[in-house]
Amino acid sequence: MSESSLAELLAQVAAGQGEALRRIYERQSVRLFGVANAILRDRDQAADALHTAFLSIQRRAGQYDPARGAAEAWLGTVVRNAALDIIRARGRETPTDDPTLGDTAVEPEALSALEAIETGARLRQCLEGLPEKNRRGIVLAFVHGLSHPQIAERLELPLGTVKTWIRRGLLSLRECLA
């Protein structure tokens, strides 16, 4: 989507045209979900951030100024801010230890925490050992939440090639982590 048409859609949203917001969502939601997911590392919270961001975009579309930057960057900033708000809210949550509320504070066992750190380090090490093409496909799929066709479009490659790279990368990861 060209930048000018995205800016035009934001102007239409500012004028109260709901259809324009839907079109922005259809064209940008996957990328914006990836932004939120990269920050929050939780798909459910990333979906919440995306929802909150689009409500904000609907209310604040008139604040977008094409002279100050690209519409795509403005949308990314709105999503980033929504995700950071969720992180800030997490820090303010205080468990009550009331089992009827379902928010009993549970201390993770030190051994489990250490295991999680080791597993994360091993995964990073194995990912770094993959060829760039395999690593990039896996990160786009599993970190940014893109589908195979979306990855193929972004990388300007045939769909079969992308599927093969991701499959081979996952097989290599499995071997490395075994």
N, C-alpha and C. Protein backbone atom coordinates (compact mmCIF):
# COMPACT_ATOMS: atom_id res chain seq x y z
N MET A 1 0.85 -1.18 0.00
CA MET A 1 0.00 0.00 0.00
C MET A 1 0.89 1.23 0.00
N SER A 2 0.61 2.16 -0.86
CA SER A 2 1.44 3.35 -0.93
C SER A 2 1.19 4.22 0.28
N GLU A 3 2.22 4.95 0.66
CA GLU A 3 2.14 5.79 1.85
C GLU A 3 1.06 6.84 1.72
N SER A 4 0.92 7.45 0.54
CA SER A 4 -0.10 8.49 0.38
C SER A 4 -1.49 7.93 0.58
N SER A 5 -1.76 6.71 0.13
CA SER A 5 -3.10 6.18 0.30
C SER A 5 -3.36 5.83 1.77
N LEU A 6 -2.35 5.44 2.52
CA LEU A 6 -2.52 5.20 3.95
C LEU A 6 -2.81 6.51 4.67
N ALA A 7 -2.12 7.57 4.28
CA ALA A 7 -2.39 8.90 4.84
C ALA A 7 -3.80 9.34 4.48
N GLU A 8 -4.23 9.05 3.26
CA GLU A 8 -5.58 9.40 2.85
C GLU A 8 -6.62 8.64 3.67
N LEU A 9 -6.34 7.37 3.95
CA LEU A 9 -7.26 6.58 4.77
C LEU A 9 -7.35 7.16 6.18
N LEU A 10 -6.23 7.60 6.74
CA LEU A 10 -6.26 8.22 8.07
C LEU A 10 -7.09 9.50 8.05
N ALA A 11 -7.00 10.26 6.97
CA ALA A 11 -7.81 11.48 6.85
C ALA A 11 -9.30 11.11 6.78
N GLN A 12 -9.60 10.02 6.10
CA GLN A 12 -10.99 9.57 6.02
C GLN A 12 -11.50 9.10 7.38
N VAL A 13 -10.64 8.42 8.14
CA VAL A 13 -11.01 8.00 9.49
C VAL A 13 -11.29 9.24 10.35
N ALA A 14 -10.44 10.25 10.22
CA ALA A 14 -10.63 11.49 10.98
C ALA A 14 -11.96 12.15 10.62
N ALA A 15 -12.41 11.95 9.38
CA ALA A 15 -13.68 12.52 8.92
C ALA A 15 -14.87 11.65 9.32
N GLY A 16 -14.58 10.54 10.05
CA GLY A 16 -15.67 9.69 10.54
C GLY A 16 -16.08 8.55 9.63
N GLN A 17 -15.27 8.23 8.65
CA GLN A 17 -15.58 7.14 7.73
C GLN A 17 -15.04 5.82 8.28
N GLY A 18 -15.93 5.04 8.89
CA GLY A 18 -15.55 3.77 9.51
C GLY A 18 -14.95 2.77 8.55
N GLU A 19 -15.37 2.79 7.31
CA GLU A 19 -14.85 1.87 6.31
C GLU A 19 -13.34 2.06 6.13
N ALA A 20 -12.88 3.28 6.25
CA ALA A 20 -11.44 3.55 6.09
C ALA A 20 -10.65 2.90 7.21
N LEU A 21 -11.20 2.90 8.42
CA LEU A 21 -10.52 2.24 9.54
C LEU A 21 -10.42 0.74 9.30
N ARG A 22 -11.48 0.15 8.77
CA ARG A 22 -11.46 -1.27 8.45
C ARG A 22 -10.38 -1.57 7.40
N ARG A 23 -10.27 -0.71 6.41
CA ARG A 23 -9.26 -0.91 5.36
C ARG A 23 -7.85 -0.79 5.92
N ILE A 24 -7.64 0.15 6.84
CA ILE A 24 -6.32 0.26 7.49
C ILE A 24 -6.04 -1.02 8.27
N TYR A 25 -7.04 -1.50 8.98
CA TYR A 25 -6.87 -2.73 9.77
C TYR A 25 -6.50 -3.91 8.86
N GLU A 26 -7.22 -4.05 7.76
CA GLU A 26 -6.95 -5.16 6.84
C GLU A 26 -5.53 -5.10 6.30
N ARG A 27 -5.01 -3.92 6.07
CA ARG A 27 -3.70 -3.77 5.44
C ARG A 27 -2.54 -3.72 6.42
N GLN A 28 -2.80 -3.29 7.63
CA GLN A 28 -1.69 -3.05 8.56
C GLN A 28 -1.72 -3.92 9.81
N SER A 29 -2.81 -4.63 10.08
CA SER A 29 -2.95 -5.33 11.36
C SER A 29 -1.88 -6.39 11.59
N VAL A 30 -1.49 -7.12 10.56
CA VAL A 30 -0.48 -8.16 10.75
C VAL A 30 0.85 -7.54 11.18
N ARG A 31 1.25 -6.49 10.49
CA ARG A 31 2.51 -5.82 10.84
C ARG A 31 2.43 -5.22 12.23
N LEU A 32 1.31 -4.59 12.53
CA LEU A 32 1.16 -3.93 13.83
C LEU A 32 1.05 -4.96 14.97
N PHE A 33 0.42 -6.09 14.68
CA PHE A 33 0.38 -7.16 15.68
C PHE A 33 1.80 -7.64 15.97
N GLY A 34 2.62 -7.73 14.93
CA GLY A 34 4.02 -8.13 15.10
C GLY A 34 4.77 -7.15 15.99
N VAL A 35 4.50 -5.87 15.83
CA VAL A 35 5.13 -4.85 16.68
C VAL A 35 4.74 -5.08 18.14
N ALA A 36 3.44 -5.24 18.38
CA ALA A 36 2.96 -5.44 19.75
C ALA A 36 3.49 -6.74 20.33
N ASN A 37 3.50 -7.79 19.52
CA ASN A 37 3.97 -9.09 19.99
C ASN A 37 5.47 -9.06 20.30
N ALA A 38 6.23 -8.33 19.51
CA ALA A 38 7.67 -8.22 19.76
C ALA A 38 7.94 -7.51 21.09
N ILE A 39 7.10 -6.57 21.45
CA ILE A 39 7.27 -5.84 22.71
C ILE A 39 6.77 -6.66 23.89
N LEU A 40 5.59 -7.26 23.75
CA LEU A 40 4.93 -7.93 24.88
C LEU A 40 5.31 -9.40 25.04
N ARG A 41 5.70 -10.04 23.95
CA ARG A 41 6.04 -11.46 23.97
C ARG A 41 4.89 -12.32 24.50
N ASP A 42 3.66 -11.89 24.21
CA ASP A 42 2.46 -12.61 24.63
C ASP A 42 1.38 -12.31 23.60
N ARG A 43 0.94 -13.33 22.89
CA ARG A 43 0.01 -13.13 21.78
C ARG A 43 -1.32 -12.53 22.24
N ASP A 44 -1.83 -12.98 23.39
CA ASP A 44 -3.11 -12.45 23.88
C ASP A 44 -2.98 -10.98 24.24
N GLN A 45 -1.91 -10.62 24.92
CA GLN A 45 -1.72 -9.22 25.28
C GLN A 45 -1.43 -8.38 24.04
N ALA A 46 -0.74 -8.96 23.07
CA ALA A 46 -0.49 -8.24 21.81
C ALA A 46 -1.81 -7.96 21.09
N ALA A 47 -2.73 -8.93 21.12
CA ALA A 47 -4.05 -8.71 20.51
C ALA A 47 -4.79 -7.60 21.25
N ASP A 48 -4.68 -7.59 22.59
CA ASP A 48 -5.31 -6.52 23.38
C ASP A 48 -4.71 -5.16 23.01
N ALA A 49 -3.40 -5.12 22.89
CA ALA A 49 -2.72 -3.86 22.53
C ALA A 49 -3.17 -3.39 21.15
N LEU A 50 -3.29 -4.31 20.22
CA LEU A 50 -3.73 -3.95 18.87
C LEU A 50 -5.15 -3.39 18.89
N HIS A 51 -6.02 -4.03 19.66
CA HIS A 51 -7.40 -3.56 19.78
C HIS A 51 -7.43 -2.14 20.37
N THR A 52 -6.70 -1.96 21.46
CA THR A 52 -6.64 -0.64 22.10
C THR A 52 -6.07 0.40 21.13
N ALA A 53 -5.05 0.01 20.38
CA ALA A 53 -4.43 0.93 19.43
C ALA A 53 -5.41 1.36 18.35
N PHE A 54 -6.20 0.43 17.84
CA PHE A 54 -7.14 0.80 16.79
C PHE A 54 -8.28 1.68 17.32
N LEU A 55 -8.65 1.50 18.57
CA LEU A 55 -9.61 2.43 19.17
C LEU A 55 -9.00 3.83 19.25
N SER A 56 -7.73 3.87 19.61
CA SER A 56 -7.02 5.15 19.69
C SER A 56 -6.85 5.77 18.30
N ILE A 57 -6.54 4.94 17.31
CA ILE A 57 -6.40 5.44 15.93
C ILE A 57 -7.72 6.05 15.47
N GLN A 58 -8.82 5.41 15.81
CA GLN A 58 -10.13 5.92 15.41
C GLN A 58 -10.38 7.30 16.04
N ARG A 59 -10.00 7.44 17.32
CA ARG A 59 -10.23 8.71 18.02
C ARG A 59 -9.25 9.79 17.61
N ARG A 60 -7.99 9.40 17.31
CA ARG A 60 -6.93 10.39 17.13
C ARG A 60 -6.43 10.52 15.70
N ALA A 61 -7.11 9.94 14.73
CA ALA A 61 -6.64 9.98 13.34
C ALA A 61 -6.42 11.40 12.85
N GLY A 62 -7.17 12.35 13.35
CA GLY A 62 -7.03 13.74 12.94
C GLY A 62 -5.72 14.36 13.41
N GLN A 63 -5.05 13.74 14.36
CA GLN A 63 -3.77 14.25 14.86
C GLN A 63 -2.60 13.88 13.96
N TYR A 64 -2.83 12.92 13.05
CA TYR A 64 -1.74 12.52 12.15
C TYR A 64 -1.43 13.67 11.20
N ASP A 65 -0.15 14.01 11.10
CA ASP A 65 0.31 15.09 10.23
C ASP A 65 1.34 14.51 9.25
N PRO A 66 0.99 14.39 7.96
CA PRO A 66 1.92 13.81 6.98
C PRO A 66 3.26 14.55 6.91
N ALA A 67 3.27 15.81 7.27
CA ALA A 67 4.52 16.58 7.22
C ALA A 67 5.50 16.14 8.29
N ARG A 68 5.00 15.50 9.33
CA ARG A 68 5.86 15.09 10.45
C ARG A 68 6.39 13.67 10.32
N GLY A 69 5.88 12.90 9.36
CA GLY A 69 6.39 11.54 9.20
C GLY A 69 5.41 10.65 8.45
N ALA A 70 5.85 9.44 8.20
CA ALA A 70 5.06 8.47 7.45
C ALA A 70 3.88 7.97 8.28
N ALA A 71 2.78 7.71 7.61
CA ALA A 71 1.58 7.20 8.27
C ALA A 71 1.86 5.85 8.91
N GLU A 72 2.63 5.03 8.23
CA GLU A 72 2.97 3.71 8.76
C GLU A 72 3.72 3.85 10.08
N ALA A 73 4.62 4.79 10.17
CA ALA A 73 5.38 5.02 11.41
C ALA A 73 4.46 5.53 12.51
N TRP A 74 3.52 6.40 12.17
CA TRP A 74 2.57 6.93 13.15
C TRP A 74 1.74 5.79 13.73
N LEU A 75 1.25 4.90 12.86
CA LEU A 75 0.47 3.75 13.31
C LEU A 75 1.32 2.86 14.23
N GLY A 76 2.57 2.64 13.85
CA GLY A 76 3.47 1.83 14.68
C GLY A 76 3.67 2.44 16.05
N THR A 77 3.77 3.76 16.10
CA THR A 77 3.94 4.45 17.38
C THR A 77 2.71 4.29 18.27
N VAL A 78 1.53 4.37 17.67
CA VAL A 78 0.29 4.19 18.45
C VAL A 78 0.26 2.79 19.05
N VAL A 79 0.61 1.78 18.26
CA VAL A 79 0.62 0.40 18.75
C VAL A 79 1.70 0.22 19.81
N ARG A 80 2.86 0.78 19.56
CA ARG A 80 3.96 0.68 20.54
C ARG A 80 3.53 1.28 21.87
N ASN A 81 2.90 2.43 21.83
CA ASN A 81 2.45 3.07 23.07
C ASN A 81 1.40 2.23 23.79
N ALA A 82 0.50 1.61 23.03
CA ALA A 82 -0.52 0.75 23.64
C ALA A 82 0.14 -0.46 24.31
N ALA A 83 1.15 -1.03 23.67
CA ALA A 83 1.86 -2.17 24.24
C ALA A 83 2.62 -1.75 25.50
N LEU A 84 3.26 -0.59 25.46
CA LEU A 84 3.99 -0.11 26.63
C LEU A 84 3.04 0.20 27.78
N ASP A 85 1.84 0.66 27.49
CA ASP A 85 0.84 0.88 28.53
C ASP A 85 0.49 -0.43 29.23
N ILE A 86 0.41 -1.51 28.46
CA ILE A 86 0.12 -2.82 29.06
C ILE A 86 1.27 -3.25 29.95
N ILE A 87 2.50 -3.01 29.52
CA ILE A 87 3.66 -3.37 30.34
C ILE A 87 3.64 -2.56 31.64
N ARG A 88 3.34 -1.28 31.55
CA ARG A 88 3.27 -0.44 32.76
C ARG A 88 2.18 -0.94 33.70
N ALA A 89 1.04 -1.32 33.14
CA ALA A 89 -0.06 -1.82 33.97
C ALA A 89 0.33 -3.12 34.66
N ARG A 90 1.09 -3.97 33.97
CA ARG A 90 1.58 -5.21 34.59
C ARG A 90 2.38 -4.91 35.84
N GLY A 91 3.22 -3.88 35.77
CA GLY A 91 4.07 -3.53 36.90
C GLY A 91 3.28 -3.01 38.08
N ARG A 92 2.08 -2.47 37.84
CA ARG A 92 1.26 -1.94 38.93
C ARG A 92 0.34 -2.98 39.54
N GLU A 93 0.20 -4.14 38.90
CA GLU A 93 -0.68 -5.17 39.44
C GLU A 93 -0.09 -5.74 40.72
N THR A 94 -0.92 -5.88 41.72
CA THR A 94 -0.48 -6.42 43.00
C THR A 94 -1.38 -7.60 43.34
N PRO A 95 -0.83 -8.81 43.36
CA PRO A 95 -1.65 -9.96 43.74
C PRO A 95 -2.12 -9.81 45.18
N THR A 96 -3.34 -10.27 45.44
CA THR A 96 -3.92 -10.11 46.77
C THR A 96 -3.76 -11.34 47.63
N ASP A 97 -3.32 -12.44 47.08
CA ASP A 97 -3.23 -13.73 47.77
C ASP A 97 -4.60 -14.25 48.19
N ASP A 98 -5.67 -13.73 47.62
CA ASP A 98 -7.01 -14.20 47.89
C ASP A 98 -7.35 -15.27 46.86
N PRO A 99 -7.39 -16.56 47.27
CA PRO A 99 -7.61 -17.63 46.30
C PRO A 99 -8.96 -17.54 45.59
N THR A 100 -9.93 -16.86 46.19
CA THR A 100 -11.23 -16.74 45.53
C THR A 100 -11.17 -15.82 44.32
N LEU A 101 -10.16 -14.96 44.27
CA LEU A 101 -10.00 -14.06 43.13
C LEU A 101 -9.15 -14.67 42.04
N GLY A 102 -8.49 -15.77 42.33
CA GLY A 102 -7.68 -16.45 41.33
C GLY A 102 -6.36 -15.76 41.03
N ASP A 103 -5.89 -14.91 41.92
CA ASP A 103 -4.63 -14.22 41.67
C ASP A 103 -3.62 -14.45 42.79
N THR A 104 -3.56 -15.68 43.25
CA THR A 104 -2.61 -16.03 44.30
C THR A 104 -1.20 -15.85 43.79
N ALA A 105 -0.41 -15.17 44.58
CA ALA A 105 1.00 -14.96 44.21
C ALA A 105 1.74 -16.28 44.38
N VAL A 106 2.42 -16.69 43.35
CA VAL A 106 3.17 -17.94 43.39
C VAL A 106 4.60 -17.64 43.02
N GLU A 107 5.51 -17.98 43.89
CA GLU A 107 6.93 -17.77 43.61
C GLU A 107 7.42 -18.92 42.74
N PRO A 108 8.03 -18.65 41.61
CA PRO A 108 8.57 -19.75 40.80
C PRO A 108 9.75 -20.38 41.52
N GLU A 109 9.84 -21.67 41.35
CA GLU A 109 10.97 -22.37 41.96
C GLU A 109 12.25 -21.91 41.28
N ALA A 110 13.29 -21.81 42.04
CA ALA A 110 14.57 -21.34 41.50
C ALA A 110 15.05 -22.26 40.38
N LEU A 111 14.86 -23.56 40.55
CA LEU A 111 15.31 -24.51 39.54
C LEU A 111 14.55 -24.32 38.23
N SER A 112 13.23 -24.09 38.32
CA SER A 112 12.43 -23.87 37.11
C SER A 112 12.86 -22.59 36.41
N ALA A 113 13.11 -21.54 37.18
CA ALA A 113 13.56 -20.27 36.61
C ALA A 113 14.90 -20.44 35.91
N LEU A 114 15.80 -21.17 36.55
CA LEU A 114 17.12 -21.41 35.97
C LEU A 114 17.00 -22.22 34.68
N GLU A 115 16.11 -23.21 34.69
CA GLU A 115 15.88 -24.03 33.50
C GLU A 115 15.37 -23.18 32.34
N ALA A 116 14.44 -22.26 32.63
CA ALA A 116 13.89 -21.39 31.59
C ALA A 116 14.98 -20.51 31.00
N ILE A 117 15.86 -20.00 31.82
CA ILE A 117 16.97 -19.17 31.34
C ILE A 117 17.89 -19.98 30.44
N GLU A 118 18.22 -21.20 30.88
CA GLU A 118 19.09 -22.07 30.09
C GLU A 118 18.46 -22.42 28.75
N THR A 119 17.15 -22.73 28.76
CA THR A 119 16.45 -23.08 27.53
C THR A 119 16.44 -21.89 26.57
N GLY A 120 16.17 -20.70 27.09
CA GLY A 120 16.18 -19.50 26.25
C GLY A 120 17.54 -19.25 25.64
N ALA A 121 18.58 -19.44 26.44
CA ALA A 121 19.95 -19.24 25.94
C ALA A 121 20.27 -20.26 24.86
N ARG A 122 19.86 -21.51 25.07
CA ARG A 122 20.11 -22.56 24.07
C ARG A 122 19.36 -22.26 22.78
N LEU A 123 18.11 -21.82 22.93
CA LEU A 123 17.32 -21.50 21.74
C LEU A 123 17.98 -20.37 20.95
N ARG A 124 18.41 -19.32 21.66
CA ARG A 124 19.09 -18.21 20.97
C ARG A 124 20.36 -18.70 20.27
N GLN A 125 21.11 -19.54 20.96
CA GLN A 125 22.35 -20.07 20.38
C GLN A 125 22.04 -20.91 19.13
N CYS A 126 21.00 -21.73 19.20
CA CYS A 126 20.63 -22.55 18.05
C CYS A 126 20.13 -21.68 16.89
N LEU A 127 19.34 -20.65 17.21
CA LEU A 127 18.86 -19.74 16.17
C LEU A 127 20.03 -19.03 15.48
N GLU A 128 21.01 -18.61 16.27
CA GLU A 128 22.17 -17.92 15.70
C GLU A 128 22.97 -18.84 14.79
N GLY A 129 22.90 -20.15 15.03
CA GLY A 129 23.63 -21.11 14.21
C GLY A 129 22.95 -21.42 12.88
N LEU A 130 21.71 -20.98 12.72
CA LEU A 130 20.99 -21.23 11.47
C LEU A 130 21.45 -20.28 10.37
N PRO A 131 21.35 -20.71 9.12
CA PRO A 131 21.59 -19.76 8.02
C PRO A 131 20.59 -18.61 8.11
N GLU A 132 20.99 -17.44 7.66
CA GLU A 132 20.17 -16.22 7.75
C GLU A 132 18.78 -16.42 7.18
N LYS A 133 18.66 -17.08 6.03
CA LYS A 133 17.35 -17.23 5.39
C LYS A 133 16.40 -18.05 6.27
N ASN A 134 16.90 -19.11 6.91
CA ASN A 134 16.07 -19.93 7.77
C ASN A 134 15.68 -19.17 9.04
N ARG A 135 16.66 -18.51 9.64
CA ARG A 135 16.42 -17.75 10.88
C ARG A 135 15.40 -16.65 10.64
N ARG A 136 15.54 -15.93 9.53
CA ARG A 136 14.65 -14.81 9.23
C ARG A 136 13.21 -15.30 9.05
N GLY A 137 13.03 -16.41 8.34
CA GLY A 137 11.70 -16.96 8.15
C GLY A 137 11.06 -17.38 9.45
N ILE A 138 11.83 -18.03 10.32
CA ILE A 138 11.31 -18.47 11.61
C ILE A 138 10.94 -17.28 12.49
N VAL A 139 11.78 -16.26 12.52
CA VAL A 139 11.49 -15.08 13.34
C VAL A 139 10.24 -14.37 12.83
N LEU A 140 10.11 -14.23 11.52
CA LEU A 140 8.91 -13.57 10.97
C LEU A 140 7.65 -14.37 11.29
N ALA A 141 7.76 -15.69 11.28
CA ALA A 141 6.59 -16.52 11.53
C ALA A 141 6.23 -16.58 13.02
N PHE A 142 7.23 -16.83 13.86
CA PHE A 142 6.92 -17.11 15.25
C PHE A 142 7.06 -15.92 16.19
N VAL A 143 7.82 -14.93 15.84
CA VAL A 143 7.94 -13.74 16.69
C VAL A 143 6.97 -12.66 16.21
N HIS A 144 6.92 -12.46 14.90
CA HIS A 144 6.08 -11.40 14.36
C HIS A 144 4.69 -11.88 13.96
N GLY A 145 4.47 -13.20 14.00
CA GLY A 145 3.14 -13.75 13.75
C GLY A 145 2.68 -13.70 12.31
N LEU A 146 3.61 -13.64 11.35
CA LEU A 146 3.22 -13.60 9.94
C LEU A 146 2.94 -15.01 9.42
N SER A 147 2.00 -15.11 8.49
CA SER A 147 1.73 -16.39 7.85
C SER A 147 2.77 -16.62 6.75
N HIS A 148 2.82 -17.85 6.25
CA HIS A 148 3.76 -18.14 5.16
C HIS A 148 3.54 -17.24 3.95
N PRO A 149 2.29 -17.05 3.50
CA PRO A 149 2.09 -16.14 2.35
C PRO A 149 2.54 -14.70 2.63
N GLN A 150 2.33 -14.25 3.86
CA GLN A 150 2.75 -12.89 4.21
C GLN A 150 4.28 -12.77 4.21
N ILE A 151 4.94 -13.82 4.68
CA ILE A 151 6.41 -13.82 4.68
C ILE A 151 6.92 -13.82 3.24
N ALA A 152 6.29 -14.65 2.41
CA ALA A 152 6.70 -14.71 1.00
C ALA A 152 6.54 -13.35 0.34
N GLU A 153 5.45 -12.67 0.64
CA GLU A 153 5.22 -11.34 0.07
C GLU A 153 6.27 -10.35 0.59
N ARG A 154 6.52 -10.38 1.88
CA ARG A 154 7.48 -9.43 2.46
C ARG A 154 8.90 -9.65 1.91
N LEU A 155 9.28 -10.92 1.77
CA LEU A 155 10.64 -11.23 1.29
C LEU A 155 10.72 -11.28 -0.23
N GLU A 156 9.56 -11.13 -0.89
CA GLU A 156 9.48 -11.18 -2.35
C GLU A 156 10.08 -12.48 -2.89
N LEU A 157 9.60 -13.59 -2.30
CA LEU A 157 10.04 -14.93 -2.68
C LEU A 157 8.83 -15.80 -2.95
N PRO A 158 9.01 -16.89 -3.70
CA PRO A 158 7.91 -17.83 -3.91
C PRO A 158 7.49 -18.46 -2.57
N LEU A 159 6.20 -18.75 -2.45
CA LEU A 159 5.66 -19.32 -1.21
C LEU A 159 6.34 -20.65 -0.88
N GLY A 160 6.54 -21.50 -1.86
CA GLY A 160 7.18 -22.79 -1.62
C GLY A 160 8.58 -22.65 -1.05
N THR A 161 9.32 -21.67 -1.53
CA THR A 161 10.68 -21.43 -1.03
C THR A 161 10.64 -21.05 0.45
N VAL A 162 9.71 -20.16 0.80
CA VAL A 162 9.59 -19.72 2.20
C VAL A 162 9.22 -20.90 3.08
N LYS A 163 8.26 -21.71 2.65
CA LYS A 163 7.85 -22.87 3.45
C LYS A 163 9.02 -23.83 3.65
N THR A 164 9.79 -24.05 2.61
CA THR A 164 10.94 -24.95 2.70
C THR A 164 11.98 -24.40 3.66
N TRP A 165 12.30 -23.12 3.57
CA TRP A 165 13.29 -22.52 4.46
C TRP A 165 12.86 -22.64 5.91
N ILE A 166 11.58 -22.35 6.19
CA ILE A 166 11.09 -22.42 7.56
C ILE A 166 11.12 -23.87 8.06
N ARG A 167 10.67 -24.79 7.22
CA ARG A 167 10.65 -26.21 7.62
C ARG A 167 12.06 -26.70 7.92
N ARG A 168 13.00 -26.40 7.03
CA ARG A 168 14.39 -26.83 7.26
C ARG A 168 14.97 -26.18 8.51
N GLY A 169 14.65 -24.91 8.72
CA GLY A 169 15.12 -24.22 9.91
C GLY A 169 14.58 -24.85 11.18
N LEU A 170 13.29 -25.22 11.17
CA LEU A 170 12.69 -25.84 12.35
C LEU A 170 13.29 -27.22 12.61
N LEU A 171 13.55 -27.97 11.54
CA LEU A 171 14.20 -29.27 11.71
C LEU A 171 15.60 -29.11 12.30
N SER A 172 16.34 -28.11 11.84
CA SER A 172 17.67 -27.84 12.38
C SER A 172 17.58 -27.43 13.85
N LEU A 173 16.59 -26.62 14.19
CA LEU A 173 16.40 -26.20 15.59
C LEU A 173 16.11 -27.40 16.46
N ARG A 174 15.23 -28.30 15.97
CA ARG A 174 14.89 -29.48 16.74
C ARG A 174 16.14 -30.31 17.03
N GLU A 175 16.97 -30.50 16.01
CA GLU A 175 18.21 -31.25 16.19
C GLU A 175 19.13 -30.57 17.19
N CYS A 176 19.26 -29.27 17.07
CA CYS A 176 20.15 -28.50 17.94
C CYS A 176 19.68 -28.56 19.40
N LEU A 177 18.39 -28.49 19.60
CA LEU A 177 17.85 -28.47 20.97
C LEU A 177 17.74 -29.85 21.60
N ALA A 178 17.83 -30.90 20.78
CA ALA A 178 17.71 -32.27 21.30
C ALA A 178 18.88 -32.68 22.15
